[in-house]
Amino acid sequence: MPKRFSNLGRRVFIVCDALDEMDEHQQRDVLLPLFHDMEDTGFEIFLTSRPHPEDVRSSFADAIQLELTPHYRDLHSYVEEKITTSPRTKKMIENSQSLRLENVISAVASSAEGM
């Protein structure tokens, strides 16, 4: 076992969120093999990514995978909070003749389903 990955008999968890948002060549090309090396030496690895990056999908094809889809009401609450706490966005909607806050929130939450 390489000394740089020795976990001294303890369970060590590595968490990396949003692999799909990292640059494929500058970040994922380095990190994906590193995660596999760490896994091979006993680290517990928990990664999140959207399914579309081919390098991530193929690199972890044999890993346990869980697809998470947010509930509409959670998306609605998140979008509502973001819009109502953004003075610029809130003012733009309030000043619009055609936009209504609830319609904007519902439209954005519906279009974000599965993200």
PDB file of N, CA and C in Angstrom:
ATOM      1  N   MET A   1       0.843  -1.164   0.000  1.00  0.00           N
ATOM      2  CA  MET A   1       0.000   0.000   0.000  1.00  0.00           C
ATOM      3  C   MET A   1       0.901   1.243   0.000  1.00  0.00           C
ATOM      4  N   PRO A   2       0.651   2.172  -0.944  1.00  0.00           N
ATOM      5  CA  PRO A   2       1.473   3.383  -0.953  1.00  0.00           C
ATOM      6  C   PRO A   2       1.312   4.157   0.356  1.00  0.00           C
ATOM      7  N   LYS A   3       2.442   4.643   0.891  1.00  0.00           N
ATOM      8  CA  LYS A   3       2.405   5.341   2.173  1.00  0.00           C
ATOM      9  C   LYS A   3       1.529   6.582   2.137  1.00  0.00           C
ATOM     10  N   ARG A   4       1.446   7.248   1.004  1.00  0.00           N
ATOM     11  CA  ARG A   4       0.658   8.479   0.950  1.00  0.00           C
ATOM     12  C   ARG A   4      -0.830   8.210   1.152  1.00  0.00           C
ATOM     13  N   PHE A   5      -1.275   6.949   0.981  1.00  0.00           N
ATOM     14  CA  PHE A   5      -2.680   6.626   1.171  1.00  0.00           C
ATOM     15  C   PHE A   5      -2.915   5.732   2.379  1.00  0.00           C
ATOM     16  N   SER A   6      -1.950   5.574   3.232  1.00  0.00           N
ATOM     17  CA  SER A   6      -2.139   4.744   4.420  1.00  0.00           C
ATOM     18  C   SER A   6      -3.141   5.408   5.350  1.00  0.00           C
ATOM     19  N   ASN A   7      -4.188   4.673   5.702  1.00  0.00           N
ATOM     20  CA  ASN A   7      -5.209   5.273   6.579  1.00  0.00           C
ATOM     21  C   ASN A   7      -5.099   4.770   8.016  1.00  0.00           C
ATOM     22  N   LEU A   8      -3.988   4.119   8.358  1.00  0.00           N
ATOM     23  CA  LEU A   8      -3.674   3.724   9.729  1.00  0.00           C
ATOM     24  C   LEU A   8      -4.765   2.902  10.399  1.00  0.00           C
ATOM     25  N   GLY A   9      -5.478   2.092   9.633  1.00  0.00           N
ATOM     26  CA  GLY A   9      -6.474   1.198  10.190  1.00  0.00           C
ATOM     27  C   GLY A   9      -7.815   1.847  10.504  1.00  0.00           C
ATOM     28  N   ARG A  10      -7.973   3.118  10.243  1.00  0.00           N
ATOM     29  CA  ARG A  10      -9.236   3.806  10.489  1.00  0.00           C
ATOM     30  C   ARG A  10     -10.040   3.875   9.201  1.00  0.00           C
ATOM     31  N   ARG A  11     -11.356   4.025   9.345  1.00  0.00           N
ATOM     32  CA  ARG A  11     -12.205   4.246   8.170  1.00  0.00           C
ATOM     33  C   ARG A  11     -12.144   5.723   7.838  1.00  0.00           C
ATOM     34  N   VAL A  12     -11.760   5.999   6.619  1.00  0.00           N
ATOM     35  CA  VAL A  12     -11.659   7.374   6.155  1.00  0.00           C
ATOM     36  C   VAL A  12     -12.580   7.527   4.956  1.00  0.00           C
ATOM     37  N   PHE A  13     -13.415   8.561   5.013  1.00  0.00           N
ATOM     38  CA  PHE A  13     -14.366   8.820   3.940  1.00  0.00           C
ATOM     39  C   PHE A  13     -13.926  10.047   3.158  1.00  0.00           C
ATOM     40  N   ILE A  14     -13.950   9.916   1.845  1.00  0.00           N
ATOM     41  CA  ILE A  14     -13.658  11.025   0.943  1.00  0.00           C
ATOM     42  C   ILE A  14     -14.962  11.363   0.233  1.00  0.00           C
ATOM     43  N   VAL A  15     -15.350  12.631   0.285  1.00  0.00           N
ATOM     44  CA  VAL A  15     -16.583  13.082  -0.367  1.00  0.00           C
ATOM     45  C   VAL A  15     -16.206  14.150  -1.385  1.00  0.00           C
ATOM     46  N   CYS A  16     -16.676  13.978  -2.601  1.00  0.00           N
ATOM     47  CA  CYS A  16     -16.440  14.965  -3.654  1.00  0.00           C
ATOM     48  C   CYS A  16     -17.756  15.189  -4.393  1.00  0.00           C
ATOM     49  N   ASP A  17     -18.223  16.404  -4.343  1.00  0.00           N
ATOM     50  CA  ASP A  17     -19.507  16.754  -4.934  1.00  0.00           C
ATOM     51  C   ASP A  17     -19.304  17.405  -6.300  1.00  0.00           C
ATOM     52  N   ALA A  18     -20.220  17.115  -7.216  1.00  0.00           N
ATOM     53  CA  ALA A  18     -20.315  17.787  -8.520  1.00  0.00           C
ATOM     54  C   ALA A  18     -19.125  17.537  -9.438  1.00  0.00           C
ATOM     55  N   LEU A  19     -18.766  16.290  -9.597  1.00  0.00           N
ATOM     56  CA  LEU A  19     -17.689  15.962 -10.544  1.00  0.00           C
ATOM     57  C   LEU A  19     -17.980  16.481 -11.946  1.00  0.00           C
ATOM     58  N   ASP A  20     -19.240  16.483 -12.321  1.00  0.00           N
ATOM     59  CA  ASP A  20     -19.619  16.941 -13.661  1.00  0.00           C
ATOM     60  C   ASP A  20     -19.333  18.421 -13.873  1.00  0.00           C
ATOM     61  N   GLU A  21     -19.175  19.185 -12.809  1.00  0.00           N
ATOM     62  CA  GLU A  21     -18.895  20.612 -12.938  1.00  0.00           C
ATOM     63  C   GLU A  21     -17.407  20.920 -13.002  1.00  0.00           C
ATOM     64  N   MET A  22     -16.587  19.905 -12.856  1.00  0.00           N
ATOM     65  CA  MET A  22     -15.136  20.087 -12.945  1.00  0.00           C
ATOM     66  C   MET A  22     -14.692  19.973 -14.396  1.00  0.00           C
ATOM     67  N   ASP A  23     -13.606  20.633 -14.714  1.00  0.00           N
ATOM     68  CA  ASP A  23     -13.040  20.540 -16.049  1.00  0.00           C
ATOM     69  C   ASP A  23     -12.513  19.123 -16.281  1.00  0.00           C
ATOM     70  N   GLU A  24     -12.912  18.533 -17.401  1.00  0.00           N
ATOM     71  CA  GLU A  24     -12.529  17.149 -17.678  1.00  0.00           C
ATOM     72  C   GLU A  24     -11.018  16.965 -17.733  1.00  0.00           C
ATOM     73  N   HIS A  25     -10.321  17.846 -18.418  1.00  0.00           N
ATOM     74  CA  HIS A  25      -8.888  17.625 -18.645  1.00  0.00           C
ATOM     75  C   HIS A  25      -8.001  18.197 -17.548  1.00  0.00           C
ATOM     76  N   GLN A  26      -8.407  19.281 -16.939  1.00  0.00           N
ATOM     77  CA  GLN A  26      -7.565  19.877 -15.903  1.00  0.00           C
ATOM     78  C   GLN A  26      -7.838  19.309 -14.518  1.00  0.00           C
ATOM     79  N   GLN A  27      -9.034  18.777 -14.287  1.00  0.00           N
ATOM     80  CA  GLN A  27      -9.361  18.306 -12.946  1.00  0.00           C
ATOM     81  C   GLN A  27      -9.722  16.821 -12.917  1.00  0.00           C
ATOM     82  N   ARG A  28     -10.707  16.406 -13.712  1.00  0.00           N
ATOM     83  CA  ARG A  28     -11.151  15.006 -13.617  1.00  0.00           C
ATOM     84  C   ARG A  28     -10.096  14.022 -14.089  1.00  0.00           C
ATOM     85  N   ASP A  29      -9.282  14.395 -15.081  1.00  0.00           N
ATOM     86  CA  ASP A  29      -8.218  13.489 -15.528  1.00  0.00           C
ATOM     87  C   ASP A  29      -7.235  13.178 -14.402  1.00  0.00           C
ATOM     88  N   VAL A  30      -7.096  14.086 -13.474  1.00  0.00           N
ATOM     89  CA  VAL A  30      -6.214  13.891 -12.320  1.00  0.00           C
ATOM     90  C   VAL A  30      -6.964  13.189 -11.185  1.00  0.00           C
ATOM     91  N   LEU A  31      -8.169  13.663 -10.912  1.00  0.00           N
ATOM     92  CA  LEU A  31      -8.902  13.166  -9.745  1.00  0.00           C
ATOM     93  C   LEU A  31      -9.435  11.745  -9.886  1.00  0.00           C
ATOM     94  N   LEU A  32      -9.957  11.385 -11.047  1.00  0.00           N
ATOM     95  CA  LEU A  32     -10.569  10.050 -11.175  1.00  0.00           C
ATOM     96  C   LEU A  32      -9.577   8.929 -10.876  1.00  0.00           C
ATOM     97  N   PRO A  33      -8.375   8.933 -11.456  1.00  0.00           N
ATOM     98  CA  PRO A  33      -7.413   7.878 -11.073  1.00  0.00           C
ATOM     99  C   PRO A  33      -7.020   7.951  -9.600  1.00  0.00           C
ATOM    100  N   LEU A  34      -6.942   9.157  -9.061  1.00  0.00           N
ATOM    101  CA  LEU A  34      -6.606   9.321  -7.646  1.00  0.00           C
ATOM    102  C   LEU A  34      -7.677   8.687  -6.756  1.00  0.00           C
ATOM    103  N   PHE A  35      -8.953   8.900  -7.100  1.00  0.00           N
ATOM    104  CA  PHE A  35     -10.033   8.281  -6.328  1.00  0.00           C
ATOM    105  C   PHE A  35      -9.943   6.758  -6.385  1.00  0.00           C
ATOM    106  N   HIS A  36      -9.611   6.207  -7.545  1.00  0.00           N
ATOM    107  CA  HIS A  36      -9.483   4.749  -7.658  1.00  0.00           C
ATOM    108  C   HIS A  36      -8.310   4.241  -6.818  1.00  0.00           C
ATOM    109  N   ASP A  37      -7.188   4.956  -6.829  1.00  0.00           N
ATOM    110  CA  ASP A  37      -6.052   4.571  -5.984  1.00  0.00           C
ATOM    111  C   ASP A  37      -6.445   4.596  -4.509  1.00  0.00           C
ATOM    112  N   MET A  38      -7.172   5.607  -4.126  1.00  0.00           N
ATOM    113  CA  MET A  38      -7.585   5.730  -2.726  1.00  0.00           C
ATOM    114  C   MET A  38      -8.551   4.608  -2.346  1.00  0.00           C
ATOM    115  N   GLU A  39      -9.471   4.302  -3.251  1.00  0.00           N
ATOM    116  CA  GLU A  39     -10.430   3.222  -3.001  1.00  0.00           C
ATOM    117  C   GLU A  39      -9.703   1.889  -2.843  1.00  0.00           C
ATOM    118  N   ASP A  40      -8.701   1.653  -3.674  1.00  0.00           N
ATOM    119  CA  ASP A  40      -7.945   0.399  -3.632  1.00  0.00           C
ATOM    120  C   ASP A  40      -7.161   0.228  -2.334  1.00  0.00           C
ATOM    121  N   THR A  41      -6.919   1.323  -1.636  1.00  0.00           N
ATOM    122  CA  THR A  41      -6.164   1.235  -0.387  1.00  0.00           C
ATOM    123  C   THR A  41      -7.058   1.344   0.844  1.00  0.00           C
ATOM    124  N   GLY A  42      -8.392   1.265   0.646  1.00  0.00           N
ATOM    125  CA  GLY A  42      -9.285   1.179   1.790  1.00  0.00           C
ATOM    126  C   GLY A  42     -10.098   2.410   2.118  1.00  0.00           C
ATOM    127  N   PHE A  43      -9.916   3.474   1.390  1.00  0.00           N
ATOM    128  CA  PHE A  43     -10.732   4.655   1.634  1.00  0.00           C
ATOM    129  C   PHE A  43     -12.149   4.408   1.142  1.00  0.00           C
ATOM    130  N   GLU A  44     -13.108   5.003   1.826  1.00  0.00           N
ATOM    131  CA  GLU A  44     -14.499   4.977   1.379  1.00  0.00           C
ATOM    132  C   GLU A  44     -14.706   6.234   0.546  1.00  0.00           C
ATOM    133  N   ILE A  45     -15.169   6.071  -0.691  1.00  0.00           N
ATOM    134  CA  ILE A  45     -15.301   7.201  -1.606  1.00  0.00           C
ATOM    135  C   ILE A  45     -16.784   7.434  -1.902  1.00  0.00           C
ATOM    136  N   PHE A  46     -17.231   8.690  -1.739  1.00  0.00           N
ATOM    137  CA  PHE A  46     -18.591   9.078  -2.072  1.00  0.00           C
ATOM    138  C   PHE A  46     -18.508  10.247  -3.036  1.00  0.00           C
ATOM    139  N   LEU A  47     -19.002  10.043  -4.246  1.00  0.00           N
ATOM    140  CA  LEU A  47     -18.913  11.059  -5.290  1.00  0.00           C
ATOM    141  C   LEU A  47     -20.299  11.383  -5.817  1.00  0.00           C
ATOM    142  N   THR A  48     -20.496  12.629  -6.212  1.00  0.00           N
ATOM    143  CA  THR A  48     -21.744  12.991  -6.873  1.00  0.00           C
ATOM    144  C   THR A  48     -21.427  13.586  -8.239  1.00  0.00           C
ATOM    145  N   SER A  49     -22.324  13.312  -9.179  1.00  0.00           N
ATOM    146  CA  SER A  49     -22.180  13.839 -10.534  1.00  0.00           C
ATOM    147  C   SER A  49     -23.485  13.629 -11.267  1.00  0.00           C
ATOM    148  N   ARG A  50     -23.763  14.495 -12.199  1.00  0.00           N
ATOM    149  CA  ARG A  50     -24.838  14.207 -13.136  1.00  0.00           C
ATOM    150  C   ARG A  50     -24.313  13.079 -14.024  1.00  0.00           C
ATOM    151  N   PRO A  51     -25.202  12.324 -14.637  1.00  0.00           N
ATOM    152  CA  PRO A  51     -24.753  11.129 -15.368  1.00  0.00           C
ATOM    153  C   PRO A  51     -24.127  11.398 -16.736  1.00  0.00           C
ATOM    154  N   HIS A  52     -24.181  12.625 -17.247  1.00  0.00           N
ATOM    155  CA  HIS A  52     -23.761  12.838 -18.625  1.00  0.00           C
ATOM    156  C   HIS A  52     -22.265  12.802 -18.915  1.00  0.00           C
ATOM    157  N   PRO A  53     -21.332  13.132 -18.007  1.00  0.00           N
ATOM    158  CA  PRO A  53     -19.919  13.053 -18.412  1.00  0.00           C
ATOM    159  C   PRO A  53     -19.491  11.597 -18.648  1.00  0.00           C
ATOM    160  N   GLU A  54     -19.082  11.309 -19.863  1.00  0.00           N
ATOM    161  CA  GLU A  54     -18.711   9.937 -20.224  1.00  0.00           C
ATOM    162  C   GLU A  54     -17.534   9.432 -19.396  1.00  0.00           C
ATOM    163  N   ASP A  55     -16.558  10.287 -19.114  1.00  0.00           N
ATOM    164  CA  ASP A  55     -15.399   9.841 -18.348  1.00  0.00           C
ATOM    165  C   ASP A  55     -15.790   9.429 -16.930  1.00  0.00           C
ATOM    166  N   VAL A  56     -16.719  10.139 -16.328  1.00  0.00           N
ATOM    167  CA  VAL A  56     -17.182   9.787 -14.981  1.00  0.00           C
ATOM    168  C   VAL A  56     -17.994   8.504 -15.036  1.00  0.00           C
ATOM    169  N   ARG A  57     -18.907   8.427 -15.997  1.00  0.00           N
ATOM    170  CA  ARG A  57     -19.770   7.242 -16.117  1.00  0.00           C
ATOM    171  C   ARG A  57     -18.936   5.983 -16.361  1.00  0.00           C
ATOM    172  N   SER A  58     -17.979   6.038 -17.260  1.00  0.00           N
ATOM    173  CA  SER A  58     -17.190   4.840 -17.565  1.00  0.00           C
ATOM    174  C   SER A  58     -16.208   4.507 -16.441  1.00  0.00           C
ATOM    175  N   SER A  59     -15.690   5.526 -15.774  1.00  0.00           N
ATOM    176  CA  SER A  59     -14.734   5.290 -14.703  1.00  0.00           C
ATOM    177  C   SER A  59     -15.359   4.571 -13.516  1.00  0.00           C
ATOM    178  N   PHE A  60     -16.645   4.806 -13.297  1.00  0.00           N
ATOM    179  CA  PHE A  60     -17.320   4.215 -12.140  1.00  0.00           C
ATOM    180  C   PHE A  60     -18.474   3.297 -12.547  1.00  0.00           C
ATOM    181  N   ALA A  61     -18.342   2.668 -13.693  1.00  0.00           N
ATOM    182  CA  ALA A  61     -19.398   1.787 -14.210  1.00  0.00           C
ATOM    183  C   ALA A  61     -19.698   0.639 -13.237  1.00  0.00           C
ATOM    184  N   ASP A  62     -18.702   0.171 -12.505  1.00  0.00           N
ATOM    185  CA  ASP A  62     -18.887  -0.947 -11.580  1.00  0.00           C
ATOM    186  C   ASP A  62     -19.226  -0.506 -10.153  1.00  0.00           C
ATOM    187  N   ALA A  63     -19.288   0.780  -9.917  1.00  0.00           N
ATOM    188  CA  ALA A  63     -19.556   1.295  -8.569  1.00  0.00           C
ATOM    189  C   ALA A  63     -21.048   1.247  -8.264  1.00  0.00           C
ATOM    190  N   ILE A  64     -21.368   1.228  -7.000  1.00  0.00           N
ATOM    191  CA  ILE A  64     -22.769   1.339  -6.579  1.00  0.00           C
ATOM    192  C   ILE A  64     -23.234   2.743  -6.936  1.00  0.00           C
ATOM    193  N   GLN A  65     -24.359   2.824  -7.617  1.00  0.00           N
ATOM    194  CA  GLN A  65     -24.865   4.125  -8.052  1.00  0.00           C
ATOM    195  C   GLN A  65     -26.299   4.303  -7.575  1.00  0.00           C
ATOM    196  N   LEU A  66     -26.608   5.511  -7.223  1.00  0.00           N
ATOM    197  CA  LEU A  66     -27.937   5.857  -6.752  1.00  0.00           C
ATOM    198  C   LEU A  66     -28.362   7.133  -7.463  1.00  0.00           C
ATOM    199  N   GLU A  67     -29.490   7.067  -8.147  1.00  0.00           N
ATOM    200  CA  GLU A  67     -29.992   8.251  -8.825  1.00  0.00           C
ATOM    201  C   GLU A  67     -30.917   9.006  -7.884  1.00  0.00           C
ATOM    202  N   LEU A  68     -30.620  10.262  -7.684  1.00  0.00           N
ATOM    203  CA  LEU A  68     -31.426  11.108  -6.808  1.00  0.00           C
ATOM    204  C   LEU A  68     -32.162  12.137  -7.653  1.00  0.00           C
ATOM    205  N   THR A  69     -33.448  12.228  -7.444  1.00  0.00           N
ATOM    206  CA  THR A  69     -34.261  13.219  -8.138  1.00  0.00           C
ATOM    207  C   THR A  69     -35.012  14.011  -7.087  1.00  0.00           C
ATOM    208  N   PRO A  70     -34.826  15.326  -7.079  1.00  0.00           N
ATOM    209  CA  PRO A  70     -35.509  16.123  -6.059  1.00  0.00           C
ATOM    210  C   PRO A  70     -37.010  16.170  -6.293  1.00  0.00           C
ATOM    211  N   HIS A  71     -37.752  16.300  -5.217  1.00  0.00           N
ATOM    212  CA  HIS A  71     -39.199  16.466  -5.319  1.00  0.00           C
ATOM    213  C   HIS A  71     -39.506  17.866  -5.816  1.00  0.00           C
ATOM    214  N   TYR A  72     -40.602  17.999  -6.531  1.00  0.00           N
ATOM    215  CA  TYR A  72     -40.994  19.293  -7.078  1.00  0.00           C
ATOM    216  C   TYR A  72     -41.110  20.353  -5.975  1.00  0.00           C
ATOM    217  N   ARG A  73     -41.686  20.005  -4.850  1.00  0.00           N
ATOM    218  CA  ARG A  73     -41.874  21.015  -3.788  1.00  0.00           C
ATOM    219  C   ARG A  73     -40.526  21.500  -3.242  1.00  0.00           C
ATOM    220  N   ASP A  74     -39.506  20.622  -3.217  1.00  0.00           N
ATOM    221  CA  ASP A  74     -38.178  21.042  -2.788  1.00  0.00           C
ATOM    222  C   ASP A  74     -37.560  22.009  -3.796  1.00  0.00           C
ATOM    223  N   LEU A  75     -37.709  21.692  -5.076  1.00  0.00           N
ATOM    224  CA  LEU A  75     -37.223  22.596  -6.124  1.00  0.00           C
ATOM    225  C   LEU A  75     -37.952  23.937  -6.052  1.00  0.00           C
ATOM    226  N   HIS A  76     -39.253  23.876  -5.878  1.00  0.00           N
ATOM    227  CA  HIS A  76     -40.068  25.090  -5.789  1.00  0.00           C
ATOM    228  C   HIS A  76     -39.590  25.962  -4.623  1.00  0.00           C
ATOM    229  N   SER A  77     -39.391  25.361  -3.474  1.00  0.00           N
ATOM    230  CA  SER A  77     -38.933  26.117  -2.299  1.00  0.00           C
ATOM    231  C   SER A  77     -37.556  26.723  -2.525  1.00  0.00           C
ATOM    232  N   TYR A  78     -36.668  25.955  -3.140  1.00  0.00           N
ATOM    233  CA  TYR A  78     -35.308  26.445  -3.406  1.00  0.00           C
ATOM    234  C   TYR A  78     -35.341  27.631  -4.365  1.00  0.00           C
ATOM    235  N   VAL A  79     -36.079  27.503  -5.465  1.00  0.00           N
ATOM    236  CA  VAL A  79     -36.171  28.575  -6.457  1.00  0.00           C
ATOM    237  C   VAL A  79     -36.821  29.810  -5.832  1.00  0.00           C
ATOM    238  N   GLU A  80     -37.873  29.605  -5.078  1.00  0.00           N
ATOM    239  CA  GLU A  80     -38.549  30.728  -4.423  1.00  0.00           C
ATOM    240  C   GLU A  80     -37.596  31.483  -3.501  1.00  0.00           C
ATOM    241  N   GLU A  81     -36.831  30.756  -2.716  1.00  0.00           N
ATOM    242  CA  GLU A  81     -35.879  31.380  -1.798  1.00  0.00           C
ATOM    243  C   GLU A  81     -34.817  32.166  -2.568  1.00  0.00           C
ATOM    244  N   LYS A  82     -34.300  31.597  -3.644  1.00  0.00           N
ATOM    245  CA  LYS A  82     -33.269  32.275  -4.438  1.00  0.00           C
ATOM    246  C   LYS A  82     -33.812  33.542  -5.093  1.00  0.00           C
ATOM    247  N   ILE A  83     -35.006  33.471  -5.619  1.00  0.00           N
ATOM    248  CA  ILE A  83     -35.589  34.637  -6.291  1.00  0.00           C
ATOM    249  C   ILE A  83     -35.944  35.728  -5.280  1.00  0.00           C
ATOM    250  N   THR A  84     -36.575  35.353  -4.197  1.00  0.00           N
ATOM    251  CA  THR A  84     -37.035  36.365  -3.238  1.00  0.00           C
ATOM    252  C   THR A  84     -35.893  36.995  -2.436  1.00  0.00           C
ATOM    253  N   THR A  85     -34.740  36.335  -2.391  1.00  0.00           N
ATOM    254  CA  THR A  85     -33.600  36.929  -1.687  1.00  0.00           C
ATOM    255  C   THR A  85     -32.648  37.663  -2.632  1.00  0.00           C
ATOM    256  N   SER A  86     -32.980  37.685  -3.909  1.00  0.00           N
ATOM    257  CA  SER A  86     -32.192  38.437  -4.886  1.00  0.00           C
ATOM    258  C   SER A  86     -32.940  39.730  -5.212  1.00  0.00           C
ATOM    259  N   PRO A  87     -32.498  40.843  -4.650  1.00  0.00           N
ATOM    260  CA  PRO A  87     -33.227  42.100  -4.883  1.00  0.00           C
ATOM    261  C   PRO A  87     -33.392  42.431  -6.371  1.00  0.00           C
ATOM    262  N   ARG A  88     -32.383  42.179  -7.152  1.00  0.00           N
ATOM    263  CA  ARG A  88     -32.458  42.502  -8.583  1.00  0.00           C
ATOM    264  C   ARG A  88     -33.508  41.661  -9.291  1.00  0.00           C
ATOM    265  N   THR A  89     -33.487  40.350  -9.057  1.00  0.00           N
ATOM    266  CA  THR A  89     -34.450  39.457  -9.707  1.00  0.00           C
ATOM    267  C   THR A  89     -35.864  39.745  -9.227  1.00  0.00           C
ATOM    268  N   LYS A  90     -36.013  39.920  -7.944  1.00  0.00           N
ATOM    269  CA  LYS A  90     -37.338  40.196  -7.380  1.00  0.00           C
ATOM    270  C   LYS A  90     -37.909  41.495  -7.965  1.00  0.00           C
ATOM    271  N   LYS A  91     -37.086  42.535  -8.047  1.00  0.00           N
ATOM    272  CA  LYS A  91     -37.538  43.810  -8.593  1.00  0.00           C
ATOM    273  C   LYS A  91     -37.902  43.682 -10.071  1.00  0.00           C
ATOM    274  N   MET A  92     -37.106  42.923 -10.828  1.00  0.00           N
ATOM    275  CA  MET A  92     -37.382  42.722 -12.249  1.00  0.00           C
ATOM    276  C   MET A  92     -38.756  42.074 -12.443  1.00  0.00           C
ATOM    277  N   ILE A  93     -39.067  41.080 -11.637  1.00  0.00           N
ATOM    278  CA  ILE A  93     -40.363  40.400 -11.744  1.00  0.00           C
ATOM    279  C   ILE A  93     -41.487  41.335 -11.313  1.00  0.00           C
ATOM    280  N   GLU A  94     -41.287  42.033 -10.217  1.00  0.00           N
ATOM    281  CA  GLU A  94     -42.320  42.947  -9.722  1.00  0.00           C
ATOM    282  C   GLU A  94     -42.614  44.078 -10.706  1.00  0.00           C
ATOM    283  N   ASN A  95     -41.591  44.533 -11.433  1.00  0.00           N
ATOM    284  CA  ASN A  95     -41.762  45.627 -12.389  1.00  0.00           C
ATOM    285  C   ASN A  95     -42.279  45.162 -13.759  1.00  0.00           C
ATOM    286  N   SER A  96     -42.350  43.883 -13.953  1.00  0.00           N
ATOM    287  CA  SER A  96     -42.792  43.347 -15.240  1.00  0.00           C
ATOM    288  C   SER A  96     -44.322  43.363 -15.338  1.00  0.00           C
ATOM    289  N   GLN A  97     -44.792  43.670 -16.532  1.00  0.00           N
ATOM    290  CA  GLN A  97     -46.235  43.630 -16.785  1.00  0.00           C
ATOM    291  C   GLN A  97     -46.713  42.196 -17.024  1.00  0.00           C
ATOM    292  N   SER A  98     -45.814  41.348 -17.517  1.00  0.00           N
ATOM    293  CA  SER A  98     -46.233  40.003 -17.918  1.00  0.00           C
ATOM    294  C   SER A  98     -45.792  38.889 -16.955  1.00  0.00           C
ATOM    295  N   LEU A  99     -44.821  39.156 -16.097  1.00  0.00           N
ATOM    296  CA  LEU A  99     -44.319  38.117 -15.199  1.00  0.00           C
ATOM    297  C   LEU A  99     -44.998  38.201 -13.836  1.00  0.00           C
ATOM    298  N   ARG A 100     -45.313  37.041 -13.307  1.00  0.00           N
ATOM    299  CA  ARG A 100     -45.839  36.931 -11.948  1.00  0.00           C
ATOM    300  C   ARG A 100     -44.904  36.006 -11.177  1.00  0.00           C
ATOM    301  N   LEU A 101     -44.605  36.390  -9.950  1.00  0.00           N
ATOM    302  CA  LEU A 101     -43.631  35.653  -9.137  1.00  0.00           C
ATOM    303  C   LEU A 101     -43.929  34.161  -9.102  1.00  0.00           C
ATOM    304  N   GLU A 102     -45.142  33.789  -8.781  1.00  0.00           N
ATOM    305  CA  GLU A 102     -45.477  32.359  -8.670  1.00  0.00           C
ATOM    306  C   GLU A 102     -45.305  31.638 -10.005  1.00  0.00           C
ATOM    307  N   ASN A 103     -45.638  32.297 -11.112  1.00  0.00           N
ATOM    308  CA  ASN A 103     -45.480  31.675 -12.435  1.00  0.00           C
ATOM    309  C   ASN A 103     -44.006  31.446 -12.765  1.00  0.00           C
ATOM    310  N   VAL A 104     -43.165  32.424 -12.416  1.00  0.00           N
ATOM    311  CA  VAL A 104     -41.730  32.289 -12.666  1.00  0.00           C
ATOM    312  C   VAL A 104     -41.158  31.147 -11.824  1.00  0.00           C
ATOM    313  N   ILE A 105     -41.510  31.122 -10.560  1.00  0.00           N
ATOM    314  CA  ILE A 105     -41.017  30.067  -9.667  1.00  0.00           C
ATOM    315  C   ILE A 105     -41.449  28.699 -10.184  1.00  0.00           C
ATOM    316  N   SER A 106     -42.709  28.556 -10.531  1.00  0.00           N
ATOM    317  CA  SER A 106     -43.222  27.267 -11.024  1.00  0.00           C
ATOM    318  C   SER A 106     -42.537  26.852 -12.314  1.00  0.00           C
ATOM    319  N   ALA A 107     -42.337  27.805 -13.223  1.00  0.00           N
ATOM    320  CA  ALA A 107     -41.701  27.496 -14.520  1.00  0.00           C
ATOM    321  C   ALA A 107     -40.253  27.038 -14.322  1.00  0.00           C
ATOM    322  N   VAL A 108     -39.511  27.749 -13.476  1.00  0.00           N
ATOM    323  CA  VAL A 108     -38.116  27.377 -13.250  1.00  0.00           C
ATOM    324  C   VAL A 108     -38.036  26.028 -12.533  1.00  0.00           C
ATOM    325  N   ALA A 109     -38.861  25.814 -11.516  1.00  0.00           N
ATOM    326  CA  ALA A 109     -38.848  24.552 -10.788  1.00  0.00           C
ATOM    327  C   ALA A 109     -39.216  23.382 -11.695  1.00  0.00           C
ATOM    328  N   SER A 110     -40.193  23.586 -12.573  1.00  0.00           N
ATOM    329  CA  SER A 110     -40.601  22.516 -13.498  1.00  0.00           C
ATOM    330  C   SER A 110     -39.498  22.188 -14.487  1.00  0.00           C
ATOM    331  N   SER A 111     -38.818  23.221 -14.995  1.00  0.00           N
ATOM    332  CA  SER A 111     -37.777  22.980 -16.005  1.00  0.00           C
ATOM    333  C   SER A 111     -36.514  22.381 -15.381  1.00  0.00           C
ATOM    334  N   ALA A 112     -36.322  22.543 -14.075  1.00  0.00           N
ATOM    335  CA  ALA A 112     -35.137  22.018 -13.396  1.00  0.00           C
ATOM    336  C   ALA A 112     -35.316  20.585 -12.919  1.00  0.00           C
ATOM    337  N   GLU A 113     -36.483  20.020 -13.104  1.00  0.00           N
ATOM    338  CA  GLU A 113     -36.765  18.664 -12.627  1.00  0.00           C
ATOM    339  C   GLU A 113     -35.687  17.693 -13.117  1.00  0.00           C
ATOM    340  N   GLY A 114     -35.131  16.929 -12.196  1.00  0.00           N
ATOM    341  CA  GLY A 114     -34.110  15.945 -12.529  1.00  0.00           C
ATOM    342  C   GLY A 114     -32.703  16.492 -12.548  1.00  0.00           C
ATOM    343  N   MET A 115     -32.504  17.753 -12.233  1.00  0.00           N
ATOM    344  CA  MET A 115     -31.167  18.334 -12.247  1.00  0.00           C
ATOM    345  C   MET A 115     -30.471  18.063 -10.934  1.00  0.00           C
TER     346      MET A 115
END
